[in-house]
Amino acid sequence: MNHSKNIEIRPIRTEKELKEFVEFPYKIYENDTGWVPPIKNDYKKYVKGDGNYLNQAGPNEKIMAICGDKVCGRLLVGINEHLNSHKDLKDGYISQFECEDNQAVADSMLQFSERWLFERGMENMKGPLSLPGGDDNRGFLIDNFTDSTLIMNTYNKPYYPDLFANYGFQKYCDVYAYKSDSANENIARYEKLAPYAMKKYGFRVDPIDLKNIEREMKDVKEIIDKAMPPEWEDFMPPNDEEIDLIAKQLVPYADPDLIYIARNTKGEPIGFNIALPDYNEVLAKMKGHLLPFGIIKYLYYKNKIKKLRFFVLFVIPEYQKKGVSSAIYWQTFKAAVENGYNFVEGSTIWDYNEPMKRDIEKYGGVIYKTYRIYKKKILDQDGPSGEE
């Protein structure tokens, strides 16, 4: 492997280092319109674990690669102990990877991560992945660097996959983004089919009640507990604390016309979806700052958003072939068109989730972006893991 004695790997310990960690992507993506900068203060809280499940899930370390007197790379390495325990795994994860086009820099950061995980008893490392409990920044984009990046989705430099592959990572899974638009004729035929299914199988589809979010999220948790396939290695149902965090994150940004809960005639929850407006359309204009003018731009542009991202849809097994997903898709699509949205992205769908892929393709969705997640066996040897 390509090494350099001039590369220092520095764990983040001070506020100054954290600031450099947060601001490094602004250098990497300067003049790159595909990258949408997050609000810096919000992102700083995110990688510190404020308001998410990062630190509760297990140990983690943020590092920077320093070349001379400048930052040339960064990443976050961690262990989701709850998922490992639930699935009987010994996996670590890589997240928030950014790097100059320099294999030696990438190797140095990944070797540090591999050694860090090895010392904590891990056998594999996967990445890039969301922070624990998240549904964002998953995989490296490997195609279509032209179309815009939607909220909480990944954009990266085209050379990133090669940096991982050259280090020894192999493909673990691909996850897909599907697209559809307001002219989708496949959806229109569900205008009659959805009400028919609702009447025949005895269920209704209601928009989420944000004023009673605790009750609604209790129903969401019940659906996930029943509907999430146990064979999904990378997921486990959220606990009560995670559900509370999801609710807190959801309320400020949710459009109740885009989130639905299906219930049967007894009022029991049987399915739900989450879709959000593409706030990246606003963030792109704010350049990472809420103040002094960012809040004005936010208020001005948030009602002009034209795209939405459909994150997730779960239906409990007893109702999975009774038109529940069709009814939820239809309600969401109809509301989106009525509210001026003209583009829908469904993402990210794992390549092993065949039922969801079939559903989306049945409704006319087409894959337009592919993100790749990698896996590497952690080597057991005397030197830094991965060295020969």
Protein backbone atom coordinates (compact mmCIF):
# COMPACT_ATOMS: atom_id res chain seq x y z
CA MET A 1 0.00 0.00 0.00
CA ASN A 2 1.01 3.58 -0.59
CA HIS A 3 2.11 5.26 2.66
CA SER A 4 3.55 8.64 3.48
CA LYS A 5 5.46 9.69 6.60
CA ASN A 6 4.20 13.22 5.98
CA ILE A 7 0.58 12.31 6.83
CA GLU A 8 -0.51 12.72 10.44
CA ILE A 9 -3.76 11.14 11.63
CA ARG A 10 -5.23 13.38 14.31
CA PRO A 11 -8.24 12.41 16.47
CA ILE A 12 -10.59 15.33 17.06
CA ARG A 13 -10.21 16.67 20.58
CA THR A 14 -10.61 20.46 20.50
CA GLU A 15 -13.26 22.86 19.23
CA LYS A 16 -10.73 24.17 16.72
CA GLU A 17 -10.19 20.65 15.35
CA LEU A 18 -13.94 20.03 15.24
CA LYS A 19 -14.36 23.25 13.27
CA GLU A 20 -11.73 22.05 10.78
CA PHE A 21 -13.49 18.67 10.55
CA VAL A 22 -16.78 20.41 9.76
CA GLU A 23 -15.32 22.85 7.25
CA PHE A 24 -13.06 20.49 5.28
CA PRO A 25 -15.76 19.53 2.70
CA TYR A 26 -16.10 23.19 1.72
CA LYS A 27 -12.57 22.93 0.37
CA ILE A 28 -13.11 19.57 -1.36
CA TYR A 29 -16.34 20.67 -3.06
CA GLU A 30 -15.45 24.27 -3.85
CA ASN A 31 -17.14 25.13 -7.16
CA ASP A 32 -18.87 21.71 -7.23
CA THR A 33 -22.61 22.35 -7.56
CA GLY A 34 -23.48 18.71 -6.84
CA TRP A 35 -22.66 19.14 -3.16
CA VAL A 36 -25.18 20.90 -0.92
CA PRO A 37 -23.56 22.39 2.20
CA PRO A 38 -25.30 21.66 5.50
CA ILE A 39 -25.88 24.36 8.08
CA LYS A 40 -22.51 24.33 9.86
CA ASN A 41 -23.83 24.60 13.41
CA ASP A 42 -26.38 21.84 12.80
CA TYR A 43 -23.76 19.59 11.25
CA LYS A 44 -21.38 20.17 14.15
CA LYS A 45 -24.08 18.97 16.57
CA TYR A 46 -24.79 16.00 14.29
CA VAL A 47 -21.22 14.66 14.34
CA LYS A 48 -20.93 15.34 18.09
CA GLY A 49 -24.00 13.16 18.66
CA ASP A 50 -26.30 15.94 19.85
CA GLY A 51 -29.89 15.04 18.97
CA ASN A 52 -29.12 11.66 17.42
CA TYR A 53 -28.16 8.14 18.50
CA LEU A 54 -24.43 8.27 17.69
CA ASN A 55 -22.98 8.10 21.20
CA GLN A 56 -25.65 5.87 22.75
CA ALA A 57 -25.03 3.23 20.05
CA GLY A 58 -21.38 2.76 20.93
CA PRO A 59 -17.84 4.17 20.77
CA ASN A 60 -16.80 6.35 17.85
CA GLU A 61 -13.86 8.44 16.80
CA LYS A 62 -13.59 11.42 14.47
CA ILE A 63 -10.22 11.84 12.77
CA MET A 64 -8.49 14.18 10.33
CA ALA A 65 -5.52 13.52 8.08
CA ILE A 66 -3.03 16.39 8.23
CA CYS A 67 -0.59 16.91 5.35
CA GLY A 68 2.00 19.46 6.36
CA ASP A 69 -0.09 22.25 7.82
CA LYS A 70 -3.42 21.54 6.12
CA VAL A 71 -6.31 19.11 6.44
CA CYS A 72 -6.37 16.61 3.56
CA GLY A 73 -8.97 14.10 4.75
CA ARG A 74 -11.43 13.19 7.49
CA LEU A 75 -13.77 10.40 8.59
CA LEU A 76 -15.76 9.03 11.52
CA VAL A 77 -15.27 5.41 12.60
CA GLY A 78 -17.55 3.72 15.09
CA ILE A 79 -19.28 0.64 16.42
CA ASN A 80 -23.04 0.20 16.66
CA GLU A 81 -23.03 -2.12 19.66
CA HIS A 82 -26.82 -2.40 19.76
CA LEU A 83 -27.02 -3.61 16.15
CA ASN A 84 -24.08 -5.97 16.64
CA SER A 85 -25.70 -7.48 19.72
CA HIS A 86 -29.10 -7.79 18.02
CA LYS A 87 -27.67 -9.40 14.87
CA ASP A 88 -24.73 -11.26 16.46
CA LEU A 89 -22.18 -9.29 14.43
CA LYS A 90 -18.71 -7.90 15.02
CA ASP A 91 -18.88 -5.02 12.55
CA GLY A 92 -17.59 -1.47 12.64
CA TYR A 93 -18.66 1.34 10.36
CA ILE A 94 -17.06 4.19 8.43
CA SER A 95 -19.01 7.43 7.96
CA GLN A 96 -18.46 11.07 6.97
CA PHE A 97 -15.52 10.17 4.70
CA GLU A 98 -14.00 13.03 2.72
CA CYS A 99 -10.57 12.98 1.11
CA GLU A 100 -8.32 14.64 -1.40
CA ASP A 101 -7.54 12.61 -4.52
CA ASN A 102 -4.64 10.92 -2.78
CA GLN A 103 -4.53 7.18 -2.10
CA ALA A 104 -1.89 7.55 0.64
CA VAL A 105 -4.16 9.88 2.60
CA ALA A 106 -7.12 7.51 2.27
CA ASP A 107 -4.94 4.53 3.23
CA SER A 108 -3.66 6.29 6.34
CA MET A 109 -7.18 7.12 7.58
CA LEU A 110 -8.56 3.67 6.77
CA GLN A 111 -5.58 1.93 8.41
CA PHE A 112 -6.18 3.96 11.57
CA SER A 113 -9.86 2.96 11.45
CA GLU A 114 -9.07 -0.70 10.88
CA ARG A 115 -6.63 -0.78 13.78
CA TRP A 116 -9.10 1.10 16.01
CA LEU A 117 -11.82 -1.45 15.23
CA PHE A 118 -9.43 -4.41 15.57
CA GLU A 119 -8.45 -3.26 19.06
CA ARG A 120 -12.13 -3.29 20.01
CA GLY A 121 -12.70 -6.84 18.78
CA MET A 122 -14.35 -6.12 15.46
CA GLU A 123 -13.98 -8.48 12.50
CA ASN A 124 -15.39 -6.42 9.60
CA MET A 125 -15.75 -2.79 8.64
CA LYS A 126 -18.48 -1.44 6.40
CA GLY A 127 -19.00 1.90 4.83
CA PRO A 128 -19.77 4.49 4.18
CA LEU A 129 -22.88 4.19 6.35
CA SER A 130 -25.30 6.52 8.10
CA LEU A 131 -24.63 7.36 11.70
CA PRO A 132 -26.57 4.92 13.93
CA GLY A 133 -30.31 5.38 13.59
CA GLY A 134 -29.97 7.61 10.52
CA ASP A 135 -31.14 7.34 6.95
CA ASP A 136 -28.64 9.65 5.31
CA ASN A 137 -25.16 9.72 3.74
CA ARG A 138 -25.34 6.04 2.86
CA GLY A 139 -22.87 4.62 0.34
CA PHE A 140 -20.75 6.29 -2.32
CA LEU A 141 -22.50 7.58 -5.41
CA ILE A 142 -21.05 5.55 -8.31
CA ASP A 143 -23.04 7.01 -11.22
CA ASN A 144 -25.08 10.07 -12.22
CA PHE A 145 -23.10 12.96 -10.80
CA THR A 146 -25.29 15.33 -12.84
CA ASP A 147 -28.77 15.29 -11.27
CA SER A 148 -29.19 17.30 -8.09
CA THR A 149 -28.69 15.77 -4.65
CA LEU A 150 -31.86 15.51 -2.55
CA ILE A 151 -32.18 16.02 1.19
CA MET A 152 -30.08 13.75 3.41
CA ASN A 153 -28.60 11.91 0.45
CA THR A 154 -25.02 11.42 -0.60
CA TYR A 155 -22.85 13.31 -3.00
CA ASN A 156 -19.16 12.55 -3.28
CA LYS A 157 -16.22 12.93 -5.59
CA PRO A 158 -16.17 10.31 -8.39
CA TYR A 159 -12.77 9.02 -7.22
CA TYR A 160 -13.98 8.04 -3.74
CA PRO A 161 -15.04 4.47 -4.71
CA ASP A 162 -11.56 3.85 -6.12
CA LEU A 163 -9.94 4.96 -2.86
CA PHE A 164 -11.95 2.32 -0.99
CA ALA A 165 -11.47 -0.41 -3.63
CA ASN A 166 -7.71 0.19 -3.78
CA TYR A 167 -7.49 -0.18 0.00
CA GLY A 168 -9.10 -3.61 -0.21
CA PHE A 169 -12.80 -2.96 0.29
CA GLN A 170 -15.22 -5.00 -1.79
CA LYS A 171 -18.82 -4.33 -2.72
CA TYR A 172 -21.21 -5.19 0.10
CA CYS A 173 -24.52 -3.81 -1.20
CA ASP A 174 -25.83 -1.30 -3.68
CA VAL A 175 -28.66 1.00 -2.67
CA TYR A 176 -30.80 2.77 -5.23
CA ALA A 177 -32.57 6.05 -5.77
CA TYR A 178 -35.68 5.88 -7.95
CA LYS A 179 -37.27 8.84 -9.66
CA SER A 180 -40.79 9.70 -10.75
CA ASP A 181 -42.59 12.93 -11.63
CA SER A 182 -46.04 14.49 -11.66
CA ALA A 183 -46.67 13.21 -15.19
CA ASN A 184 -46.33 9.57 -14.12
CA GLU A 185 -49.27 7.82 -15.80
CA ASN A 186 -48.64 4.57 -13.93
CA ILE A 187 -49.68 6.19 -10.65
CA ALA A 188 -52.93 7.60 -12.07
CA ARG A 189 -54.50 4.15 -12.44
CA TYR A 190 -54.46 3.79 -8.65
CA GLU A 191 -57.06 6.54 -8.33
CA LYS A 192 -59.73 3.83 -8.45
CA LEU A 193 -57.70 0.85 -7.26
CA ALA A 194 -56.67 2.43 -3.94
CA PRO A 195 -60.24 3.21 -2.73
CA TYR A 196 -61.34 -0.26 -3.88
CA ALA A 197 -58.60 -1.93 -1.81
CA MET A 198 -59.38 0.26 1.22
CA LYS A 199 -63.04 -0.78 1.10
CA LYS A 200 -62.39 -4.45 0.36
CA TYR A 201 -59.77 -5.02 3.07
CA GLY A 202 -61.12 -2.55 5.61
CA PHE A 203 -58.49 0.10 6.19
CA ARG A 204 -58.05 3.84 5.89
CA VAL A 205 -55.06 6.10 5.23
CA ASP A 206 -54.71 9.25 7.37
CA PRO A 207 -52.18 12.10 7.20
CA ILE A 208 -49.92 12.18 10.24
CA ASP A 209 -51.21 14.30 13.14
CA LEU A 210 -48.21 16.39 14.16
CA LYS A 211 -50.11 17.80 17.13
CA ASN A 212 -50.29 14.28 18.58
CA ILE A 213 -46.87 13.15 17.45
CA GLU A 214 -46.18 10.94 20.49
CA ARG A 215 -49.27 8.83 19.78
CA GLU A 216 -48.48 8.71 16.06
CA MET A 217 -44.89 7.64 16.64
CA LYS A 218 -46.04 4.91 19.02
CA ASP A 219 -48.07 3.52 16.10
CA VAL A 220 -45.09 3.90 13.76
CA LYS A 221 -42.91 1.91 16.16
CA GLU A 222 -45.55 -0.84 16.36
CA ILE A 223 -45.61 -1.10 12.57
CA ILE A 224 -41.81 -1.27 12.28
CA ASP A 225 -41.59 -3.90 15.02
CA LYS A 226 -44.00 -6.13 13.07
CA ALA A 227 -42.92 -5.31 9.53
CA MET A 228 -39.10 -5.17 9.51
CA PRO A 229 -37.78 -8.47 8.11
CA PRO A 230 -35.50 -10.19 10.66
CA GLU A 231 -33.11 -11.20 7.87
CA TRP A 232 -32.17 -7.56 7.20
CA GLU A 233 -28.65 -7.62 8.65
CA ASP A 234 -28.18 -3.86 8.64
CA PHE A 235 -31.36 -2.84 10.45
CA MET A 236 -33.15 -3.38 13.70
CA PRO A 237 -36.39 -1.83 14.97
CA PRO A 238 -35.80 1.45 16.81
CA ASN A 239 -36.15 1.55 20.57
CA ASP A 240 -38.27 4.12 22.41
CA GLU A 241 -35.40 6.60 22.68
CA GLU A 242 -34.68 6.42 18.96
CA ILE A 243 -38.37 6.91 18.17
CA ASP A 244 -38.39 10.04 20.34
CA LEU A 245 -35.35 11.36 18.48
CA ILE A 246 -36.97 10.65 15.10
CA ALA A 247 -40.06 12.56 16.22
CA LYS A 248 -38.01 15.57 17.31
CA GLN A 249 -36.13 15.59 14.00
CA LEU A 250 -39.29 15.08 11.96
CA VAL A 251 -41.65 17.72 13.33
CA PRO A 252 -39.79 20.88 12.24
CA TYR A 253 -39.49 19.72 8.63
CA ALA A 254 -42.51 17.48 8.09
CA ASP A 255 -45.30 18.25 5.65
CA PRO A 256 -48.31 16.31 7.02
CA ASP A 257 -49.62 15.97 3.47
CA LEU A 258 -46.63 13.72 2.69
CA ILE A 259 -46.66 11.35 5.69
CA TYR A 260 -49.47 8.82 6.21
CA ILE A 261 -50.45 6.11 8.65
CA ALA A 262 -52.78 3.32 7.56
CA ARG A 263 -55.10 1.75 10.13
CA ASN A 264 -57.64 -1.06 9.96
CA THR A 265 -61.27 -0.84 11.03
CA LYS A 266 -60.23 -1.53 14.64
CA GLY A 267 -57.93 1.50 14.55
CA GLU A 268 -54.82 -0.68 14.67
CA PRO A 269 -51.80 0.68 12.75
CA ILE A 270 -50.87 -1.42 9.73
CA GLY A 271 -48.61 0.75 7.57
CA PHE A 272 -46.89 4.12 7.24
CA ASN A 273 -44.57 6.16 5.06
CA ILE A 274 -42.24 9.10 5.52
CA ALA A 275 -41.60 11.59 2.73
CA LEU A 276 -40.06 15.04 3.15
CA PRO A 277 -39.76 18.13 0.97
CA ASP A 278 -36.33 18.48 -0.60
CA TYR A 279 -34.91 21.14 1.69
CA ASN A 280 -31.65 20.88 -0.23
CA GLU A 281 -33.28 23.30 -2.67
CA VAL A 282 -33.15 25.84 0.17
CA LEU A 283 -29.84 24.78 1.76
CA ALA A 284 -28.06 25.21 -1.58
CA LYS A 285 -28.87 28.92 -1.40
CA MET A 286 -27.81 29.36 2.24
CA LYS A 287 -24.15 28.31 1.77
CA GLY A 288 -23.96 26.66 5.19
CA HIS A 289 -25.01 29.69 7.23
CA LEU A 290 -28.32 30.39 8.94
CA LEU A 291 -27.30 33.95 9.83
CA PRO A 292 -27.40 36.78 8.98
CA PHE A 293 -29.36 36.24 5.76
CA GLY A 294 -29.83 32.47 5.71
CA ILE A 295 -33.04 32.53 7.72
CA ILE A 296 -34.53 35.01 5.28
CA LYS A 297 -33.62 32.79 2.36
CA TYR A 298 -35.02 29.77 4.20
CA LEU A 299 -38.38 31.41 4.84
CA TYR A 300 -38.55 32.68 1.26
CA TYR A 301 -37.61 29.47 -0.53
CA LYS A 302 -39.13 26.77 1.69
CA ASN A 303 -42.57 27.19 0.14
CA LYS A 304 -41.12 27.05 -3.37
CA ILE A 305 -39.69 23.53 -3.07
CA LYS A 306 -40.62 21.35 -6.06
CA LYS A 307 -39.05 18.01 -5.15
CA LEU A 308 -39.60 15.50 -2.38
CA ARG A 309 -37.80 12.46 -1.11
CA PHE A 310 -39.78 9.34 -0.19
CA PHE A 311 -37.70 7.72 2.57
CA VAL A 312 -39.51 4.69 3.85
CA LEU A 313 -42.70 2.63 3.66
CA PHE A 314 -43.56 -0.27 5.96
CA VAL A 315 -46.67 -2.48 5.95
CA ILE A 316 -47.22 -5.27 8.49
CA PRO A 317 -47.15 -8.80 6.98
CA GLU A 318 -50.91 -9.47 7.23
CA TYR A 319 -51.65 -6.52 4.95
CA GLN A 320 -48.69 -6.62 2.57
CA LYS A 321 -50.68 -7.87 -0.44
CA LYS A 322 -53.90 -6.00 0.23
CA GLY A 323 -53.23 -2.67 -1.45
CA VAL A 324 -51.99 -0.77 1.61
CA SER A 325 -48.75 0.32 -0.02
CA SER A 326 -50.67 1.30 -3.16
CA ALA A 327 -53.08 3.42 -1.14
CA ILE A 328 -50.23 5.17 0.68
CA TYR A 329 -48.36 5.79 -2.56
CA TRP A 330 -51.51 7.19 -4.14
CA GLN A 331 -52.36 9.50 -1.25
CA THR A 332 -48.78 10.81 -1.15
CA PHE A 333 -48.60 11.32 -4.92
CA LYS A 334 -51.98 13.04 -5.07
CA ALA A 335 -51.11 15.40 -2.21
CA ALA A 336 -47.69 16.13 -3.72
CA VAL A 337 -49.18 17.16 -7.06
CA GLU A 338 -51.87 19.26 -5.38
CA ASN A 339 -49.18 21.07 -3.38
CA GLY A 340 -47.02 21.88 -6.37
CA TYR A 341 -44.34 19.18 -6.15
CA ASN A 342 -43.30 17.85 -9.53
CA PHE A 343 -40.52 15.33 -8.75
CA VAL A 344 -40.30 12.38 -6.36
CA GLU A 345 -37.20 10.46 -5.37
CA GLY A 346 -37.63 7.13 -3.59
CA SER A 347 -34.40 6.33 -1.76
CA THR A 348 -32.39 4.58 -0.61
CA ILE A 349 -33.65 1.10 -1.50
CA TRP A 350 -31.23 -1.74 -0.69
CA ASP A 351 -30.56 -4.16 -3.54
CA TYR A 352 -31.87 -7.08 -1.46
CA ASN A 353 -35.23 -5.39 -0.79
CA GLU A 354 -36.99 -7.04 -3.72
CA PRO A 355 -40.59 -6.33 -2.59
CA MET A 356 -39.95 -2.59 -2.35
CA LYS A 357 -38.13 -2.54 -5.69
CA ARG A 358 -41.04 -4.33 -7.34
CA ASP A 359 -43.54 -1.92 -5.78
CA ILE A 360 -41.70 1.18 -6.94
CA GLU A 361 -41.14 -0.15 -10.44
CA LYS A 362 -44.82 -1.11 -10.65
CA TYR A 363 -45.68 2.52 -9.98
CA GLY A 364 -43.36 3.68 -12.75
CA GLY A 365 -40.30 4.52 -10.68
CA VAL A 366 -36.96 4.23 -12.48
CA ILE A 367 -33.51 3.80 -10.91
CA TYR A 368 -31.48 6.93 -11.63
CA LYS A 369 -28.75 6.81 -9.00
CA THR A 370 -26.75 3.97 -7.42
CA TYR A 371 -24.85 4.19 -4.15
CA ARG A 372 -22.37 1.50 -3.14
CA ILE A 373 -21.59 0.30 0.38
CA TYR A 374 -18.31 -1.54 0.91
CA LYS A 375 -17.09 -4.18 3.33
CA LYS A 376 -13.61 -5.32 4.35
CA LYS A 377 -12.49 -8.08 6.66
CA ILE A 378 -10.32 -6.65 9.42
CA LEU A 379 -6.90 -8.24 9.26
CA ASP A 380 -5.25 -9.76 12.32
CA GLN A 381 -1.51 -9.13 12.29
CA ASP A 382 1.22 -7.43 14.24
CA GLY A 383 1.62 -4.23 12.23
CA PRO A 384 -1.12 -1.71 11.53
CA SER A 385 -4.05 -3.68 10.12
CA GLY A 386 -3.97 -3.80 6.36
CA GLU A 387 -0.18 -3.43 6.10
CA GLU A 388 2.04 -6.01 4.56
